[in-house]
């Protein structure tokens, strides 16, 4: 297996940011270990160096702002988790989104006798 198969190569800074956001949302609720802290610091450093340089070179100001917001979110995550509190949120569109920020919709399934159509209209 070649190294090129093993590592993800982003197309541009936005692609790299999306990938890191996806990874962050996967491990944000995991138990805190030294290995996870190191991995997290590595991702933050990648954001601050390589990806920030790429975004600056691309010259998209909104992307640089998103990148800084992303770095803030990831630093706050580490502070919250190191203080022993759970992290109540996730990252969406490179920004922190609280768990209770999205509306919850109640859905009542109305089953009627008949076919396997579970959401039948009760006319």
Protein backbone atom coordinates (compact mmCIF):
# COMPACT_ATOMS: atom_id res chain seq x y z
CA UNK A 1 0.00 0.00 0.00
CA UNK A 2 1.49 3.30 -1.05
CA UNK A 3 1.48 6.42 1.12
CA UNK A 4 -0.73 8.21 -1.39
CA UNK A 5 -3.52 5.68 -0.66
CA UNK A 6 -3.24 6.11 3.07
CA UNK A 7 -3.36 9.88 3.42
CA UNK A 8 -6.19 12.12 2.28
CA UNK A 9 -5.05 14.85 -0.11
CA UNK A 10 -7.40 17.85 -0.14
CA UNK A 11 -8.04 19.78 -3.35
CA UNK A 12 -8.02 23.21 -1.68
CA UNK A 13 -8.23 24.84 1.77
CA UNK A 14 -12.03 24.51 1.96
CA UNK A 15 -11.80 20.79 1.23
CA UNK A 16 -9.20 20.41 3.98
CA UNK A 17 -11.38 22.40 6.42
CA UNK A 18 -14.40 20.20 5.64
CA UNK A 19 -12.34 17.07 6.27
CA UNK A 20 -11.06 18.36 9.64
CA UNK A 21 -14.59 19.40 10.61
CA UNK A 22 -15.81 15.88 9.84
CA UNK A 23 -13.00 14.33 11.90
CA UNK A 24 -13.62 16.75 14.79
CA UNK A 25 -17.33 15.89 14.92
CA UNK A 26 -16.43 12.18 15.03
CA UNK A 27 -14.16 12.43 18.08
CA UNK A 28 -15.67 15.39 20.00
CA UNK A 29 -17.57 13.13 22.46
CA UNK A 30 -14.87 10.48 22.84
CA UNK A 31 -13.24 9.98 26.25
CA UNK A 32 -10.26 12.29 26.65
CA UNK A 33 -6.90 10.51 26.39
CA UNK A 34 -3.42 11.86 25.86
CA UNK A 35 -3.44 10.34 22.39
CA UNK A 36 -6.66 12.20 21.50
CA UNK A 37 -5.30 15.49 22.87
CA UNK A 38 -2.13 15.06 20.76
CA UNK A 39 -4.21 14.22 17.67
CA UNK A 40 -6.40 17.28 18.29
CA UNK A 41 -3.38 19.57 18.74
CA UNK A 42 -1.94 18.21 15.50
CA UNK A 43 -5.16 19.09 13.63
CA UNK A 44 -5.22 22.60 15.16
CA UNK A 45 -1.58 23.10 14.16
CA UNK A 46 -2.37 21.97 10.61
CA UNK A 47 -5.18 24.55 10.50
CA UNK A 48 -2.89 27.31 11.82
CA UNK A 49 -0.02 26.56 9.43
CA UNK A 50 -0.61 24.67 6.16
CA UNK A 51 -4.30 25.37 5.66
CA UNK A 52 -4.11 29.03 6.74
CA UNK A 53 -1.24 29.53 4.29
CA UNK A 54 -3.26 27.87 1.51
CA UNK A 55 -6.34 29.99 2.30
CA UNK A 56 -4.24 33.17 2.32
CA UNK A 57 -2.73 32.20 -1.04
CA UNK A 58 -6.23 31.56 -2.45
CA UNK A 59 -7.16 35.05 -1.23
CA UNK A 60 -10.71 34.28 -0.04
CA UNK A 61 -11.32 36.48 3.03
CA UNK A 62 -14.46 34.64 4.17
CA UNK A 63 -12.50 31.37 4.19
CA UNK A 64 -9.77 32.90 6.37
CA UNK A 65 -12.48 34.12 8.79
CA UNK A 66 -14.06 30.64 8.84
CA UNK A 67 -10.65 29.16 9.49
CA UNK A 68 -10.07 31.44 12.49
CA UNK A 69 -13.54 30.61 13.83
CA UNK A 70 -12.75 26.91 13.42
CA UNK A 71 -9.47 27.27 15.35
CA UNK A 72 -11.36 29.07 18.17
CA UNK A 73 -13.99 26.31 18.34
CA UNK A 74 -11.32 23.61 18.54
CA UNK A 75 -9.36 25.46 21.25
CA UNK A 76 -12.54 25.98 23.30
CA UNK A 77 -13.36 22.28 22.92
CA UNK A 78 -10.05 21.37 24.48
CA UNK A 79 -10.56 23.80 27.40
CA UNK A 80 -14.09 22.50 28.06
CA UNK A 81 -13.05 18.85 27.90
CA UNK A 82 -9.93 19.34 30.04
CA UNK A 83 -12.09 20.98 32.72
CA UNK A 84 -14.13 17.76 32.84
CA UNK A 85 -17.34 19.13 31.33
CA UNK A 86 -19.13 17.55 28.37
CA UNK A 87 -19.00 19.42 25.07
CA UNK A 88 -22.60 20.34 24.23
CA UNK A 89 -22.42 21.01 20.54
CA UNK A 90 -20.74 20.24 17.26
CA UNK A 91 -19.10 22.07 14.40
CA UNK A 92 -21.21 22.94 11.37
CA UNK A 93 -20.16 25.25 8.55
CA UNK A 94 -16.86 25.77 10.42
CA UNK A 95 -18.65 27.26 13.46
CA UNK A 96 -19.85 25.99 16.85
CA UNK A 97 -23.49 24.93 16.91
CA UNK A 98 -25.05 24.16 20.30
CA UNK A 99 -26.96 20.89 20.63
CA UNK A 100 -30.13 22.75 21.59
CA UNK A 101 -29.86 25.29 18.74
CA UNK A 102 -31.70 23.22 16.16
CA UNK A 103 -35.46 22.85 16.54
CA UNK A 104 -36.71 19.38 17.42
CA UNK A 105 -39.68 18.21 15.39
CA UNK A 106 -42.17 15.80 16.85
CA UNK A 107 -43.41 13.23 14.42
CA UNK A 108 -46.42 11.11 15.19
CA UNK A 109 -46.71 8.10 12.96
CA UNK A 110 -50.34 7.32 12.21
CA UNK A 111 -50.74 3.66 11.34
CA UNK A 112 -53.96 2.57 9.72
CA UNK A 113 -55.13 -0.90 8.88
CA UNK A 114 -54.18 -1.97 5.45
CA UNK A 115 -51.01 -1.94 3.41
CA UNK A 116 -47.51 -1.43 4.70
CA UNK A 117 -47.76 2.34 4.21
CA UNK A 118 -47.10 3.43 7.82
CA UNK A 119 -47.81 7.11 7.31
CA UNK A 120 -51.24 6.76 5.85
CA UNK A 121 -53.41 9.84 5.64
CA UNK A 122 -56.45 9.39 7.91
CA UNK A 123 -59.20 10.71 5.65
